């Protein structure tokens, strides 16, 4: 199964919050065309924008972590970073065992 892209998750979370692209853009302080490009996958967000989106949408910490990861950023939640570090270490160890 393919992982969801940032643009996919953004659309899912925005619709779940019952917000238009324009309304979300206004809430996070960007122009609506930028929000449209983020959701269409034409633009990649910077980390601060992803964090602001998660905050404005009131996302649960797992959803915030998923949104950050889908955009290529480490989660901002210390517990999520710890879990990610454990998973990475386990993957590295499996790679060494397989070699």
Protein backbone atom coordinates (compact mmCIF):
# COMPACT_ATOMS: atom_id res chain seq x y z
CA UNK A 1 0.00 0.00 0.00
CA UNK A 2 1.34 3.42 -0.92
CA UNK A 3 1.77 5.93 1.85
CA UNK A 4 -0.32 9.06 1.80
CA UNK A 5 1.35 12.20 0.55
CA UNK A 6 1.24 15.48 2.45
CA UNK A 7 -1.24 16.88 -0.07
CA UNK A 8 -3.58 13.91 0.51
CA UNK A 9 -3.44 14.22 4.30
CA UNK A 10 -3.89 17.98 4.14
CA UNK A 11 -7.09 17.56 2.14
CA UNK A 12 -8.40 14.84 4.46
CA UNK A 13 -7.71 16.84 7.62
CA UNK A 14 -9.03 20.10 6.15
CA UNK A 15 -12.29 18.49 5.06
CA UNK A 16 -12.61 16.75 8.44
CA UNK A 17 -12.43 20.21 10.04
CA UNK A 18 -15.13 21.38 7.60
CA UNK A 19 -12.95 24.23 6.29
CA UNK A 20 -12.50 25.50 2.77
CA UNK A 21 -8.98 25.99 1.41
CA UNK A 22 -9.53 29.74 1.64
CA UNK A 23 -10.69 29.56 5.26
CA UNK A 24 -7.68 27.44 6.27
CA UNK A 25 -5.33 29.75 4.37
CA UNK A 26 -6.74 32.75 6.21
CA UNK A 27 -6.42 31.00 9.58
CA UNK A 28 -2.74 30.16 9.06
CA UNK A 29 -1.88 33.44 7.38
CA UNK A 30 -1.08 32.39 3.82
CA UNK A 31 -2.70 33.29 0.53
CA UNK A 32 -5.41 30.91 -0.74
CA UNK A 33 -3.49 30.06 -3.92
CA UNK A 34 -0.59 28.76 -1.80
CA UNK A 35 -2.99 26.52 0.13
CA UNK A 36 -4.43 25.28 -3.15
CA UNK A 37 -0.95 24.44 -4.44
CA UNK A 38 -0.10 22.61 -1.21
CA UNK A 39 -3.21 20.49 -1.47
CA UNK A 40 -2.70 19.76 -5.16
CA UNK A 41 0.90 18.72 -4.53
CA UNK A 42 2.34 21.52 -6.66
CA UNK A 43 4.18 23.04 -3.67
CA UNK A 44 5.97 21.57 -0.66
CA UNK A 45 5.39 23.27 2.70
CA UNK A 46 8.07 24.42 5.07
CA UNK A 47 8.04 22.92 8.55
CA UNK A 48 6.52 25.98 10.22
CA UNK A 49 3.53 25.89 7.86
CA UNK A 50 2.93 22.20 8.60
CA UNK A 51 3.06 22.87 12.35
CA UNK A 52 0.67 25.81 12.00
CA UNK A 53 -1.77 23.72 9.94
CA UNK A 54 -1.75 21.00 12.59
CA UNK A 55 -2.33 23.57 15.32
CA UNK A 56 -5.14 25.41 13.52
CA UNK A 57 -6.90 22.16 12.60
CA UNK A 58 -6.61 20.95 16.19
CA UNK A 59 -5.03 17.68 15.09
CA UNK A 60 -4.35 14.91 17.59
CA UNK A 61 -0.64 14.30 18.15
CA UNK A 62 -0.64 11.16 15.97
CA UNK A 63 -2.23 13.10 13.11
CA UNK A 64 0.24 15.99 13.60
CA UNK A 65 3.11 13.50 13.48
CA UNK A 66 1.70 11.90 10.33
CA UNK A 67 1.32 15.30 8.67
CA UNK A 68 4.89 16.27 9.53
CA UNK A 69 6.29 12.93 8.36
CA UNK A 70 4.34 13.09 5.12
CA UNK A 71 5.97 16.47 4.45
CA UNK A 72 9.42 15.06 5.19
CA UNK A 73 9.87 16.48 8.70
CA UNK A 74 10.43 14.82 12.05
CA UNK A 75 7.51 15.04 14.48
CA UNK A 76 7.58 17.90 16.98
CA UNK A 77 6.17 15.74 19.80
CA UNK A 78 8.98 14.34 22.01
CA UNK A 79 7.17 11.01 22.44
CA UNK A 80 6.73 10.68 18.68
CA UNK A 81 10.42 11.51 18.12
CA UNK A 82 11.35 8.78 20.62
CA UNK A 83 9.18 6.24 18.81
CA UNK A 84 10.66 7.27 15.48
CA UNK A 85 14.21 6.94 16.87
CA UNK A 86 13.42 3.40 18.13
CA UNK A 87 12.00 2.42 14.74
CA UNK A 88 15.04 3.78 12.92
CA UNK A 89 17.42 1.97 15.26
CA UNK A 90 15.50 -1.29 14.77
CA UNK A 91 15.62 -0.87 10.99
CA UNK A 92 19.38 -0.23 11.10
CA UNK A 93 19.88 -3.29 13.30
CA UNK A 94 17.84 -5.47 10.91
CA UNK A 95 19.96 -4.18 8.04
CA UNK A 96 23.18 -5.17 9.86
CA UNK A 97 21.81 -8.62 10.70
CA UNK A 98 20.76 -9.19 7.08
CA UNK A 99 24.17 -8.15 5.74
